[in-house]
Amino acid sequence: MTLFAVACAGVYPALHTGRPWLDYWLFPYPNTMGLWPNFRSPLIWDVFAVSTYATVSALFWFVGLIPDFATLRDRTTNRFAQHMYGMLAMGWRGSARHWHNYDTAYLLLAGLATPLVISVHTVVSFDFAIGIVPGWHATIFPPYFVAGAIYAGFAMVLTLAIPLRKLYGLEDFITTKHLENMGKVMLATGLIVAYGYMMEAFGGYYSGNQYEAFMIKNRMLGPYKHFYWALIVCNVISPQFLWIKNVRTSTIGLFICAMFTNVGMWLERFVIIVTSLHRDFLPSSWGMYHPTVWDWSTFIGTIGLFLTLFFLFVRFMPVISIFEMRTIVPGAEVREEQA
């Protein structure tokens, strides 16, 4: 999901630089003119943060699949598929040495990916935080964006896992306990996000800055107030139902909460960007933003790209890790016998 989301997210900055055919200028590649990107630009920070995130995520994803590719290579009867899975398995034979190297590499990548999640979303939040625009210039953005990313990520996992679990009969692998734990994580991160909203509003009031105060008032009572209050309902009110155990253990209840969160996190980005820019310091530059057909086409197209990549993965790759099931299930049987 992370890889496909990064691929879709990359569409937006690529198109909005104005000259997408020159996007390779953003990378510090050797050239005859000796030119380098401006490393003080947040756009360059994004390039490094997102490309590092995508690289480590791809390695983590691929390394985790190597034993499963070997299983598919050995079991498939299609000659072409054997060659493809054989290349992806990279000569895996399941020897003790292979398992030792695999466990070491997988552990290192997991350890690297964990702080990377924090650093990437912190860098992305700096894109806004270093600006002087009211609504962006806030020190709370880094932890607020990290919590929001985990919150939205778990909501998206539930959005994909619940239908997939039902359609493919994966109830024995993705259990109710797994879904309940994801609901608990959503509740915890949702409370952090709600705290961020409250502190943002309090900061605008307590700062004594008339522009910050106006920004908060404009969000709540201005022409885009419906988006702001819809955001509060989706991201603050709806996760409170996750305090109820029956909701956390209900696939329908979790799916509805996850969908509310998906809409709410989209609205959060809309509110941060549009309501902060449409009325800035000079009333002469005020204006209203209305999405064009090209905006909607890009948005819908990225959703289609994500679903296409996701369905291709489900079709050709293991949905549930095969080797992890082999190691977990026998252990569970032994424990049951001992009990």
C-alpha atoms as a PDB file:
ATOM      1  CA  MET A   1       0.000   0.000   0.000  1.00  0.00           C
ATOM      2  CA  THR A   2       2.845   2.377   0.840  1.00  0.00           C
ATOM      3  CA  LEU A   3       4.571   1.849  -2.504  1.00  0.00           C
ATOM      4  CA  PHE A   4       1.388   2.355  -4.499  1.00  0.00           C
ATOM      5  CA  ALA A   5       0.454   5.448  -2.463  1.00  0.00           C
ATOM      6  CA  VAL A   6       3.912   6.984  -3.029  1.00  0.00           C
ATOM      7  CA  ALA A   7       3.569   6.320  -6.767  1.00  0.00           C
ATOM      8  CA  CYS A   8       0.224   8.142  -6.790  1.00  0.00           C
ATOM      9  CA  ALA A   9       1.465  10.969  -4.556  1.00  0.00           C
ATOM     10  CA  GLY A  10       4.402  11.583  -6.888  1.00  0.00           C
ATOM     11  CA  VAL A  11       1.989  12.522  -9.662  1.00  0.00           C
ATOM     12  CA  TYR A  12       0.999  15.786  -7.953  1.00  0.00           C
ATOM     13  CA  PRO A  13       4.372  17.514  -7.443  1.00  0.00           C
ATOM     14  CA  ALA A  14       5.534  16.178 -10.821  1.00  0.00           C
ATOM     15  CA  LEU A  15       2.667  17.935 -12.599  1.00  0.00           C
ATOM     16  CA  HIS A  16       2.533  21.052 -10.436  1.00  0.00           C
ATOM     17  CA  THR A  17       6.146  22.100 -10.921  1.00  0.00           C
ATOM     18  CA  GLY A  18       4.885  23.643 -14.162  1.00  0.00           C
ATOM     19  CA  ARG A  19       7.432  21.928 -16.456  1.00  0.00           C
ATOM     20  CA  PRO A  20       7.221  18.218 -15.593  1.00  0.00           C
ATOM     21  CA  TRP A  21       9.538  17.262 -18.469  1.00  0.00           C
ATOM     22  CA  LEU A  22      12.341  18.969 -16.505  1.00  0.00           C
ATOM     23  CA  ASP A  23      11.618  17.296 -13.155  1.00  0.00           C
ATOM     24  CA  TYR A  24      14.940  15.477 -13.348  1.00  0.00           C
ATOM     25  CA  TRP A  25      16.534  18.847 -12.509  1.00  0.00           C
ATOM     26  CA  LEU A  26      15.400  18.220  -8.917  1.00  0.00           C
ATOM     27  CA  PHE A  27      17.958  15.414  -8.536  1.00  0.00           C
ATOM     28  CA  PRO A  28      21.647  16.186  -7.862  1.00  0.00           C
ATOM     29  CA  TYR A  29      22.979  14.404 -10.934  1.00  0.00           C
ATOM     30  CA  PRO A  30      26.431  15.204 -12.449  1.00  0.00           C
ATOM     31  CA  ASN A  31      26.113  17.618 -15.369  1.00  0.00           C
ATOM     32  CA  THR A  32      28.456  19.624 -17.591  1.00  0.00           C
ATOM     33  CA  MET A  33      27.295  22.956 -16.149  1.00  0.00           C
ATOM     34  CA  GLY A  34      28.099  21.895 -12.586  1.00  0.00           C
ATOM     35  CA  LEU A  35      24.611  22.944 -11.436  1.00  0.00           C
ATOM     36  CA  TRP A  36      23.078  21.639  -8.201  1.00  0.00           C
ATOM     37  CA  PRO A  37      19.556  21.915  -6.807  1.00  0.00           C
ATOM     38  CA  ASN A  38      18.786  24.552  -4.205  1.00  0.00           C
ATOM     39  CA  PHE A  39      18.984  22.486  -1.015  1.00  0.00           C
ATOM     40  CA  ARG A  40      17.212  25.245   0.919  1.00  0.00           C
ATOM     41  CA  SER A  41      14.064  24.603  -1.089  1.00  0.00           C
ATOM     42  CA  PRO A  42      11.386  22.424   0.568  1.00  0.00           C
ATOM     43  CA  LEU A  43      10.735  20.892  -2.853  1.00  0.00           C
ATOM     44  CA  ILE A  44      14.221  19.372  -2.756  1.00  0.00           C
ATOM     45  CA  TRP A  45      13.646  18.139   0.802  1.00  0.00           C
ATOM     46  CA  ASP A  46      10.567  16.348  -0.486  1.00  0.00           C
ATOM     47  CA  VAL A  47      12.507  14.731  -3.314  1.00  0.00           C
ATOM     48  CA  PHE A  48      15.072  13.284  -0.922  1.00  0.00           C
ATOM     49  CA  ALA A  49      12.584  12.316   1.801  1.00  0.00           C
ATOM     50  CA  VAL A  50      10.037  10.661  -0.482  1.00  0.00           C
ATOM     51  CA  SER A  51      12.605   8.945  -2.714  1.00  0.00           C
ATOM     52  CA  THR A  52      14.380   7.536   0.383  1.00  0.00           C
ATOM     53  CA  TYR A  53      11.036   6.438   1.797  1.00  0.00           C
ATOM     54  CA  ALA A  54      10.071   4.751  -1.473  1.00  0.00           C
ATOM     55  CA  THR A  55      13.479   3.038  -1.783  1.00  0.00           C
ATOM     56  CA  VAL A  56      13.526   1.609   1.754  1.00  0.00           C
ATOM     57  CA  SER A  57       9.842   0.604   1.522  1.00  0.00           C
ATOM     58  CA  ALA A  58      10.486  -1.175  -1.791  1.00  0.00           C
ATOM     59  CA  LEU A  59      13.478  -3.028  -0.328  1.00  0.00           C
ATOM     60  CA  PHE A  60      11.535  -3.976   2.803  1.00  0.00           C
ATOM     61  CA  TRP A  61       8.619  -5.209   0.680  1.00  0.00           C
ATOM     62  CA  PHE A  62      10.831  -7.132  -1.753  1.00  0.00           C
ATOM     63  CA  VAL A  63      13.073  -8.775   0.855  1.00  0.00           C
ATOM     64  CA  GLY A  64      10.009  -9.923   2.780  1.00  0.00           C
ATOM     65  CA  LEU A  65       8.669 -11.625  -0.340  1.00  0.00           C
ATOM     66  CA  ILE A  66      11.816 -13.547  -1.355  1.00  0.00           C
ATOM     67  CA  PRO A  67      10.889 -16.832   0.438  1.00  0.00           C
ATOM     68  CA  ASP A  68       7.353 -16.565  -0.956  1.00  0.00           C
ATOM     69  CA  PHE A  69       8.659 -16.011  -4.491  1.00  0.00           C
ATOM     70  CA  ALA A  70      10.671 -19.225  -4.071  1.00  0.00           C
ATOM     71  CA  THR A  71       7.510 -21.080  -3.015  1.00  0.00           C
ATOM     72  CA  LEU A  72       5.615 -19.754  -6.033  1.00  0.00           C
ATOM     73  CA  ARG A  73       8.546 -20.662  -8.281  1.00  0.00           C
ATOM     74  CA  ASP A  74       8.487 -24.262  -7.046  1.00  0.00           C
ATOM     75  CA  ARG A  75       4.726 -24.702  -7.176  1.00  0.00           C
ATOM     76  CA  THR A  76       3.684 -23.022 -10.420  1.00  0.00           C
ATOM     77  CA  THR A  77       3.300 -25.121 -13.569  1.00  0.00           C
ATOM     78  CA  ASN A  78       3.479 -22.181 -15.958  1.00  0.00           C
ATOM     79  CA  ARG A  79       6.922 -22.011 -17.584  1.00  0.00           C
ATOM     80  CA  PHE A  80       6.941 -18.222 -17.933  1.00  0.00           C
ATOM     81  CA  ALA A  81       5.795 -17.762 -14.320  1.00  0.00           C
ATOM     82  CA  GLN A  82       8.556 -20.127 -13.167  1.00  0.00           C
ATOM     83  CA  HIS A  83      11.192 -17.940 -14.807  1.00  0.00           C
ATOM     84  CA  MET A  84       9.684 -14.720 -13.438  1.00  0.00           C
ATOM     85  CA  TYR A  85       9.312 -15.982  -9.878  1.00  0.00           C
ATOM     86  CA  GLY A  86      12.726 -17.649 -10.157  1.00  0.00           C
ATOM     87  CA  MET A  87      14.394 -14.329 -10.975  1.00  0.00           C
ATOM     88  CA  LEU A  88      12.535 -12.596  -8.134  1.00  0.00           C
ATOM     89  CA  ALA A  89      13.507 -15.383  -5.677  1.00  0.00           C
ATOM     90  CA  MET A  90      17.197 -14.600  -6.372  1.00  0.00           C
ATOM     91  CA  GLY A  91      18.351 -18.221  -6.027  1.00  0.00           C
ATOM     92  CA  TRP A  92      16.595 -18.850  -2.714  1.00  0.00           C
ATOM     93  CA  ARG A  93      16.928 -22.491  -1.601  1.00  0.00           C
ATOM     94  CA  GLY A  94      15.911 -22.215   2.052  1.00  0.00           C
ATOM     95  CA  SER A  95      19.299 -23.165   3.459  1.00  0.00           C
ATOM     96  CA  ALA A  96      20.366 -22.173   6.977  1.00  0.00           C
ATOM     97  CA  ARG A  97      22.714 -19.563   5.500  1.00  0.00           C
ATOM     98  CA  HIS A  98      19.911 -18.094   3.403  1.00  0.00           C
ATOM     99  CA  TRP A  99      17.632 -17.849   6.439  1.00  0.00           C
ATOM    100  CA  HIS A 100      20.369 -16.254   8.543  1.00  0.00           C
ATOM    101  CA  ASN A 101      21.102 -13.590   5.906  1.00  0.00           C
ATOM    102  CA  TYR A 102      17.396 -13.048   5.326  1.00  0.00           C
ATOM    103  CA  ASP A 103      16.602 -12.526   9.019  1.00  0.00           C
ATOM    104  CA  THR A 104      19.512 -10.090   9.381  1.00  0.00           C
ATOM    105  CA  ALA A 105      18.547  -8.044   6.312  1.00  0.00           C
ATOM    106  CA  TYR A 106      14.852  -8.007   7.233  1.00  0.00           C
ATOM    107  CA  LEU A 107      15.588  -6.875  10.798  1.00  0.00           C
ATOM    108  CA  LEU A 108      17.914  -4.093   9.612  1.00  0.00           C
ATOM    109  CA  LEU A 109      15.368  -2.829   7.090  1.00  0.00           C
ATOM    110  CA  ALA A 110      12.592  -2.919   9.707  1.00  0.00           C
ATOM    111  CA  GLY A 111      14.787  -0.936  12.092  1.00  0.00           C
ATOM    112  CA  LEU A 112      15.594   1.566   9.350  1.00  0.00           C
ATOM    113  CA  ALA A 113      11.988   1.926   8.182  1.00  0.00           C
ATOM    114  CA  THR A 114      10.609   2.793  11.629  1.00  0.00           C
ATOM    115  CA  PRO A 115      12.485   6.104  12.175  1.00  0.00           C
ATOM    116  CA  LEU A 116      12.170   6.806   8.454  1.00  0.00           C
ATOM    117  CA  VAL A 117       8.376   7.026   8.802  1.00  0.00           C
ATOM    118  CA  ILE A 118       8.853   9.757  11.409  1.00  0.00           C
ATOM    119  CA  SER A 119      11.519  11.640   9.444  1.00  0.00           C
ATOM    120  CA  VAL A 120       9.641  11.577   6.120  1.00  0.00           C
ATOM    121  CA  HIS A 121       6.404  13.026   7.463  1.00  0.00           C
ATOM    122  CA  THR A 122       8.342  15.536   9.548  1.00  0.00           C
ATOM    123  CA  VAL A 123      10.155  16.760   6.426  1.00  0.00           C
ATOM    124  CA  VAL A 124       6.868  16.954   4.521  1.00  0.00           C
ATOM    125  CA  SER A 125       5.386  19.062   7.335  1.00  0.00           C
ATOM    126  CA  PHE A 126       8.374  21.422   7.105  1.00  0.00           C
ATOM    127  CA  ASP A 127       7.191  22.323   3.600  1.00  0.00           C
ATOM    128  CA  PHE A 128       4.406  24.222   5.334  1.00  0.00           C
ATOM    129  CA  ALA A 129       5.992  25.079   8.681  1.00  0.00           C
ATOM    130  CA  ILE A 130       8.849  27.158   7.223  1.00  0.00           C
ATOM    131  CA  GLY A 131       6.384  29.354   5.306  1.00  0.00           C
ATOM    132  CA  ILE A 132       5.116  32.646   6.688  1.00  0.00           C
ATOM    133  CA  VAL A 133       1.524  32.031   5.572  1.00  0.00           C
ATOM    134  CA  PRO A 134      -0.907  31.964   8.551  1.00  0.00           C
ATOM    135  CA  GLY A 135      -2.106  28.418   9.048  1.00  0.00           C
ATOM    136  CA  TRP A 136       1.187  26.969   7.863  1.00  0.00           C
ATOM    137  CA  HIS A 137       3.775  28.611  10.124  1.00  0.00           C
ATOM    138  CA  ALA A 138       3.244  26.272  13.098  1.00  0.00           C
ATOM    139  CA  THR A 139       5.757  24.313  15.174  1.00  0.00           C
ATOM    140  CA  ILE A 140       3.141  21.663  15.977  1.00  0.00           C
ATOM    141  CA  PHE A 141       3.117  20.429  12.379  1.00  0.00           C
ATOM    142  CA  PRO A 142       5.865  17.734  12.577  1.00  0.00           C
ATOM    143  CA  PRO A 143       4.288  15.550  15.339  1.00  0.00           C
ATOM    144  CA  TYR A 144       0.837  16.464  14.047  1.00  0.00           C
ATOM    145  CA  PHE A 145       1.676  15.183  10.542  1.00  0.00           C
ATOM    146  CA  VAL A 146       3.331  12.002  11.869  1.00  0.00           C
ATOM    147  CA  ALA A 147       0.269  11.138  13.979  1.00  0.00           C
ATOM    148  CA  GLY A 148      -1.992  11.998  11.045  1.00  0.00           C
ATOM    149  CA  ALA A 149       0.008   9.716   8.753  1.00  0.00           C
ATOM    150  CA  ILE A 150      -0.324   6.747  11.142  1.00  0.00           C
ATOM    151  CA  TYR A 151      -4.018   7.557  11.642  1.00  0.00           C
ATOM    152  CA  ALA A 152      -4.725   7.734   7.909  1.00  0.00           C
ATOM    153  CA  GLY A 153      -2.481   4.726   7.208  1.00  0.00           C
ATOM    154  CA  PHE A 154      -4.343   2.415   9.563  1.00  0.00           C
ATOM    155  CA  ALA A 155      -7.671   3.678   8.197  1.00  0.00           C
ATOM    156  CA  MET A 156      -6.525   2.830   4.678  1.00  0.00           C
ATOM    157  CA  VAL A 157      -5.303  -0.609   5.782  1.00  0.00           C
ATOM    158  CA  LEU A 158      -8.756  -1.317   7.233  1.00  0.00           C
ATOM    159  CA  THR A 159     -10.426   0.015   4.079  1.00  0.00           C
ATOM    160  CA  LEU A 160      -8.479  -2.494   1.975  1.00  0.00           C
ATOM    161  CA  ALA A 161      -8.186  -5.414   4.437  1.00  0.00           C
ATOM    162  CA  ILE A 162     -11.854  -5.729   5.421  1.00  0.00           C
ATOM    163  CA  PRO A 163     -13.281  -6.246   1.888  1.00  0.00           C
ATOM    164  CA  LEU A 164     -10.266  -8.388   0.904  1.00  0.00           C
ATOM    165  CA  ARG A 165     -10.703 -10.507   4.019  1.00  0.00           C
ATOM    166  CA  LYS A 166     -14.348 -11.138   3.160  1.00  0.00           C
ATOM    167  CA  LEU A 167     -13.921 -11.757  -0.574  1.00  0.00           C
ATOM    168  CA  TYR A 168     -10.996 -14.168  -0.261  1.00  0.00           C
ATOM    169  CA  GLY A 169     -12.049 -15.903   2.969  1.00  0.00           C
ATOM    170  CA  LEU A 170      -9.043 -14.731   4.991  1.00  0.00           C
ATOM    171  CA  GLU A 171     -10.862 -14.634   8.336  1.00  0.00           C
ATOM    172  CA  ASP A 172      -8.506 -17.256   9.795  1.00  0.00           C
ATOM    173  CA  PHE A 173      -5.455 -15.110   8.951  1.00  0.00           C
ATOM    174  CA  ILE A 174      -6.768 -11.563   9.463  1.00  0.00           C
ATOM    175  CA  THR A 175      -8.642 -12.205  12.690  1.00  0.00           C
ATOM    176  CA  THR A 176     -11.075 -10.031  14.622  1.00  0.00           C
ATOM    177  CA  LYS A 177      -8.280  -9.434  17.146  1.00  0.00           C
ATOM    178  CA  HIS A 178      -6.102  -7.919  14.420  1.00  0.00           C
ATOM    179  CA  LEU A 179      -8.927  -5.607  13.349  1.00  0.00           C
ATOM    180  CA  GLU A 180      -9.673  -4.623  16.953  1.00  0.00           C
ATOM    181  CA  ASN A 181      -6.023  -3.738  17.567  1.00  0.00           C
ATOM    182  CA  MET A 182      -6.005  -1.576  14.438  1.00  0.00           C
ATOM    183  CA  GLY A 183      -9.116   0.151  15.754  1.00  0.00           C
ATOM    184  CA  LYS A 184      -7.267   0.871  19.026  1.00  0.00           C
ATOM    185  CA  VAL A 185      -4.327   2.392  17.140  1.00  0.00           C
ATOM    186  CA  MET A 186      -6.755   4.524  15.117  1.00  0.00           C
ATOM    187  CA  LEU A 187      -8.389   5.714  18.338  1.00  0.00           C
ATOM    188  CA  ALA A 188      -5.044   6.638  19.927  1.00  0.00           C
ATOM    189  CA  THR A 189      -3.693   8.484  16.877  1.00  0.00           C
ATOM    190  CA  GLY A 190      -7.104  10.092  16.284  1.00  0.00           C
ATOM    191  CA  LEU A 191      -6.925  11.596  19.775  1.00  0.00           C
ATOM    192  CA  ILE A 192      -3.440  12.971  18.997  1.00  0.00           C
ATOM    193  CA  VAL A 193      -4.767  14.515  15.773  1.00  0.00           C
ATOM    194  CA  ALA A 194      -7.745  16.010  17.660  1.00  0.00           C
ATOM    195  CA  TYR A 195      -5.289  17.501  20.170  1.00  0.00           C
ATOM    196  CA  GLY A 196      -3.370  19.005  17.223  1.00  0.00           C
ATOM    197  CA  TYR A 197      -6.548  20.669  15.939  1.00  0.00           C
ATOM    198  CA  MET A 198      -7.281  22.119  19.372  1.00  0.00           C
ATOM    199  CA  MET A 199      -3.745  23.422  19.831  1.00  0.00           C
ATOM    200  CA  GLU A 200      -3.813  24.942  16.353  1.00  0.00           C
ATOM    201  CA  ALA A 201      -6.992  26.859  17.209  1.00  0.00           C
ATOM    202  CA  PHE A 202      -5.672  27.807  20.652  1.00  0.00           C
ATOM    203  CA  GLY A 203      -2.354  28.948  19.145  1.00  0.00           C
ATOM    204  CA  GLY A 204      -4.155  31.250  16.716  1.00  0.00           C
ATOM    205  CA  TYR A 205      -6.074  32.807  19.585  1.00  0.00           C
ATOM    206  CA  TYR A 206      -3.266  32.956  22.171  1.00  0.00           C
ATOM    207  CA  SER A 207      -0.537  34.184  19.816  1.00  0.00           C
ATOM    208  CA  GLY A 208      -1.947  37.694  19.697  1.00  0.00           C
ATOM    209  CA  ASN A 209      -1.202  37.731  15.971  1.00  0.00           C
ATOM    210  CA  GLN A 210      -4.173  39.202  14.125  1.00  0.00           C
ATOM    211  CA  TYR A 211      -3.423  37.217  10.983  1.00  0.00           C
ATOM    212  CA  GLU A 212      -3.294  33.890  12.825  1.00  0.00           C
ATOM    213  CA  ALA A 213      -6.487  34.742  14.696  1.00  0.00           C
ATOM    214  CA  PHE A 214      -8.219  35.692  11.451  1.00  0.00           C
ATOM    215  CA  MET A 215      -7.087  32.436   9.822  1.00  0.00           C
ATOM    216  CA  ILE A 216      -8.740  30.345  12.557  1.00  0.00           C
ATOM    217  CA  LYS A 217     -11.892  32.474  12.445  1.00  0.00           C
ATOM    218  CA  ASN A 218     -11.974  32.224   8.655  1.00  0.00           C
ATOM    219  CA  ARG A 219     -11.682  28.434   8.808  1.00  0.00           C
ATOM    220  CA  MET A 220     -14.552  28.148  11.260  1.00  0.00           C
ATOM    221  CA  LEU A 221     -16.883  30.835   9.925  1.00  0.00           C
ATOM    222  CA  GLY A 222     -15.616  31.727   6.429  1.00  0.00           C
ATOM    223  CA  PRO A 223     -16.767  30.503   3.015  1.00  0.00           C
ATOM    224  CA  TYR A 224     -15.027  27.138   3.500  1.00  0.00           C
ATOM    225  CA  LYS A 225     -16.498  26.538   6.967  1.00  0.00           C
ATOM    226  CA  HIS A 226     -18.442  23.479   5.769  1.00  0.00           C
ATOM    227  CA  PHE A 227     -15.177  21.735   4.900  1.00  0.00           C
ATOM    228  CA  TYR A 228     -13.673  22.560   8.290  1.00  0.00           C
ATOM    229  CA  TRP A 229     -16.625  21.290  10.321  1.00  0.00           C
ATOM    230  CA  ALA A 230     -16.904  18.206   8.114  1.00  0.00           C
ATOM    231  CA  LEU A 231     -13.218  17.625   8.903  1.00  0.00           C
ATOM    232  CA  ILE A 232     -13.936  17.860  12.657  1.00  0.00           C
ATOM    233  CA  VAL A 233     -16.831  15.405  12.348  1.00  0.00           C
ATOM    234  CA  CYS A 234     -14.770  12.894  10.341  1.00  0.00           C
ATOM    235  CA  ASN A 235     -11.468  13.089  12.244  1.00  0.00           C
ATOM    236  CA  VAL A 236     -12.522  13.997  15.779  1.00  0.00           C
ATOM    237  CA  ILE A 237     -16.110  12.831  16.347  1.00  0.00           C
ATOM    238  CA  SER A 238     -16.232   9.588  14.330  1.00  0.00           C
ATOM    239  CA  PRO A 239     -13.196   7.851  15.962  1.00  0.00           C
ATOM    240  CA  GLN A 240     -14.786   8.332  19.401  1.00  0.00           C
ATOM    241  CA  PHE A 241     -17.087   5.417  18.545  1.00  0.00           C
ATOM    242  CA  LEU A 242     -13.977   3.219  18.705  1.00  0.00           C
ATOM    243  CA  TRP A 243     -14.134   3.448  22.499  1.00  0.00           C
ATOM    244  CA  ILE A 244     -16.990   0.930  22.185  1.00  0.00           C
ATOM    245  CA  LYS A 245     -15.741  -2.673  21.963  1.00  0.00           C
ATOM    246  CA  ASN A 246     -18.681  -3.762  19.793  1.00  0.00           C
ATOM    247  CA  VAL A 247     -17.645  -1.189  17.187  1.00  0.00           C
ATOM    248  CA  ARG A 248     -13.980  -2.258  17.281  1.00  0.00           C
ATOM    249  CA  THR A 249     -14.939  -5.909  16.797  1.00  0.00           C
ATOM    250  CA  SER A 250     -17.473  -5.198  14.042  1.00  0.00           C
ATOM    251  CA  THR A 251     -16.114  -5.213  10.489  1.00  0.00           C
ATOM    252  CA  ILE A 252     -18.932  -2.931   9.330  1.00  0.00           C
ATOM    253  CA  GLY A 253     -18.374  -0.476  12.187  1.00  0.00           C
ATOM    254  CA  LEU A 254     -14.607  -0.394  11.593  1.00  0.00           C
ATOM    255  CA  PHE A 255     -15.064   0.023   7.842  1.00  0.00           C
ATOM    256  CA  ILE A 256     -17.436   2.971   8.337  1.00  0.00           C
ATOM    257  CA  CYS A 257     -15.015   4.629  10.806  1.00  0.00           C
ATOM    258  CA  ALA A 258     -12.136   4.051   8.361  1.00  0.00           C
ATOM    259  CA  MET A 259     -14.079   5.627   5.490  1.00  0.00           C
ATOM    260  CA  PHE A 260     -14.888   8.660   7.633  1.00  0.00           C
ATOM    261  CA  THR A 261     -11.182   8.967   8.433  1.00  0.00           C
ATOM    262  CA  ASN A 262     -10.198   8.706   4.748  1.00  0.00           C
ATOM    263  CA  VAL A 263     -12.568  11.544   3.886  1.00  0.00           C
ATOM    264  CA  GLY A 264     -11.452  13.540   6.929  1.00  0.00           C
ATOM    265  CA  MET A 265      -7.745  13.295   6.105  1.00  0.00           C
ATOM    266  CA  TRP A 266      -8.425  14.432   2.545  1.00  0.00           C
ATOM    267  CA  LEU A 267     -10.407  17.371   3.944  1.00  0.00           C
ATOM    268  CA  GLU A 268      -7.513  18.161   6.300  1.00  0.00           C
ATOM    269  CA  ARG A 269      -5.159  18.676   3.355  1.00  0.00           C
ATOM    270  CA  PHE A 270      -7.785  20.748   1.578  1.00  0.00           C
ATOM    271  CA  VAL A 271      -8.326  22.959   4.638  1.00  0.00           C
ATOM    272  CA  ILE A 272      -4.601  23.420   5.317  1.00  0.00           C
ATOM    273  CA  ILE A 273      -3.788  24.410   1.744  1.00  0.00           C
ATOM    274  CA  VAL A 274      -6.863  26.209   0.422  1.00  0.00           C
ATOM    275  CA  THR A 275      -8.185  28.075   3.465  1.00  0.00           C
ATOM    276  CA  SER A 276      -4.679  29.304   4.322  1.00  0.00           C
ATOM    277  CA  LEU A 277      -4.042  30.640   0.822  1.00  0.00           C
ATOM    278  CA  HIS A 278      -7.390  31.990  -0.347  1.00  0.00           C
ATOM    279  CA  ARG A 279      -7.291  34.848   2.187  1.00  0.00           C
ATOM    280  CA  ASP A 280      -3.737  35.840   3.078  1.00  0.00           C
ATOM    281  CA  PHE A 281      -2.213  39.159   4.181  1.00  0.00           C
ATOM    282  CA  LEU A 282      -3.533  41.351   1.342  1.00  0.00           C
ATOM    283  CA  PRO A 283      -7.300  41.558   0.736  1.00  0.00           C
ATOM    284  CA  SER A 284      -6.507  42.471  -2.877  1.00  0.00           C
ATOM    285  CA  SER A 285      -5.156  38.941  -3.416  1.00  0.00           C
ATOM    286  CA  TRP A 286      -8.152  37.169  -1.879  1.00  0.00           C
ATOM    287  CA  GLY A 287     -10.010  34.683  -4.016  1.00  0.00           C
ATOM    288  CA  MET A 288     -11.974  31.454  -4.070  1.00  0.00           C
ATOM    289  CA  TYR A 289     -10.701  28.103  -5.262  1.00  0.00           C
ATOM    290  CA  HIS A 290     -12.972  25.851  -7.283  1.00  0.00           C
ATOM    291  CA  PRO A 291     -11.583  22.537  -8.587  1.00  0.00           C
ATOM    292  CA  THR A 292     -11.531  22.272 -12.373  1.00  0.00           C
ATOM    293  CA  VAL A 293     -12.194  19.175 -14.449  1.00  0.00           C
ATOM    294  CA  TRP A 294      -8.413  18.630 -14.602  1.00  0.00           C
ATOM    295  CA  ASP A 295      -8.137  18.689 -10.805  1.00  0.00           C
ATOM    296  CA  TRP A 296     -10.872  16.094 -10.457  1.00  0.00           C
ATOM    297  CA  SER A 297      -9.434  14.026 -13.305  1.00  0.00           C
ATOM    298  CA  THR A 298      -6.009  13.910 -11.630  1.00  0.00           C
ATOM    299  CA  PHE A 299      -7.569  12.971  -8.300  1.00  0.00           C
ATOM    300  CA  ILE A 300      -9.787  10.223  -9.737  1.00  0.00           C
ATOM    301  CA  GLY A 301      -6.930   9.018 -11.945  1.00  0.00           C
ATOM    302  CA  THR A 302      -4.611   8.504  -8.970  1.00  0.00           C
ATOM    303  CA  ILE A 303      -7.333   6.482  -7.214  1.00  0.00           C
ATOM    304  CA  GLY A 304      -7.610   4.339 -10.356  1.00  0.00           C
ATOM    305  CA  LEU A 305      -3.827   3.935 -10.507  1.00  0.00           C
ATOM    306  CA  PHE A 306      -3.720   2.840  -6.858  1.00  0.00           C
ATOM    307  CA  LEU A 307      -6.517   0.285  -7.272  1.00  0.00           C
ATOM    308  CA  THR A 308      -4.976  -1.067 -10.488  1.00  0.00           C
ATOM    309  CA  LEU A 309      -1.586  -1.631  -8.826  1.00  0.00           C
ATOM    310  CA  PHE A 310      -3.262  -3.101  -5.756  1.00  0.00           C
ATOM    311  CA  PHE A 311      -5.353  -5.587  -7.761  1.00  0.00           C
ATOM    312  CA  LEU A 312      -2.308  -6.602  -9.805  1.00  0.00           C
ATOM    313  CA  PHE A 313      -0.459  -7.278  -6.556  1.00  0.00           C
ATOM    314  CA  VAL A 314      -3.361  -9.379  -5.231  1.00  0.00           C
ATOM    315  CA  ARG A 315      -3.449 -11.323  -8.480  1.00  0.00           C
ATOM    316  CA  PHE A 316       0.256 -12.134  -8.869  1.00  0.00           C
ATOM    317  CA  MET A 317       1.760 -11.871  -5.357  1.00  0.00           C
ATOM    318  CA  PRO A 318       0.970 -13.574  -2.031  1.00  0.00           C
ATOM    319  CA  VAL A 319      -1.687 -11.582  -0.187  1.00  0.00           C
ATOM    320  CA  ILE A 320      -0.677 -13.215   3.114  1.00  0.00           C
ATOM    321  CA  SER A 321       2.988 -13.978   3.823  1.00  0.00           C
ATOM    322  CA  ILE A 322       3.385 -17.718   3.211  1.00  0.00           C
ATOM    323  CA  PHE A 323       6.574 -18.268   5.210  1.00  0.00           C
ATOM    324  CA  GLU A 324       5.222 -16.332   8.219  1.00  0.00           C
ATOM    325  CA  MET A 325       2.166 -18.571   8.278  1.00  0.00           C
ATOM    326  CA  ARG A 326       4.466 -21.613   8.203  1.00  0.00           C
ATOM    327  CA  THR A 327       6.377 -20.379  11.249  1.00  0.00           C
ATOM    328  CA  ILE A 328       3.384 -19.113  13.256  1.00  0.00           C
ATOM    329  CA  VAL A 329       0.783 -21.853  12.733  1.00  0.00           C
ATOM    330  CA  PRO A 330       2.911 -24.878  13.817  1.00  0.00           C
ATOM    331  CA  GLY A 331       3.911 -23.000  16.972  1.00  0.00           C
ATOM    332  CA  ALA A 332       0.278 -22.339  17.765  1.00  0.00           C
ATOM    333  CA  GLU A 333      -0.541 -26.046  17.347  1.00  0.00           C
ATOM    334  CA  VAL A 334       2.258 -27.045  19.752  1.00  0.00           C
ATOM    335  CA  ARG A 335       1.052 -24.571  22.366  1.00  0.00           C
ATOM    336  CA  GLU A 336      -2.506 -25.879  22.090  1.00  0.00           C
ATOM    337  CA  GLU A 337      -1.309 -29.470  22.589  1.00  0.00           C
ATOM    338  CA  GLN A 338       0.725 -28.482  25.638  1.00  0.00           C
ATOM    339  CA  ALA A 339      -2.250 -26.641  27.119  1.00  0.00           C
END
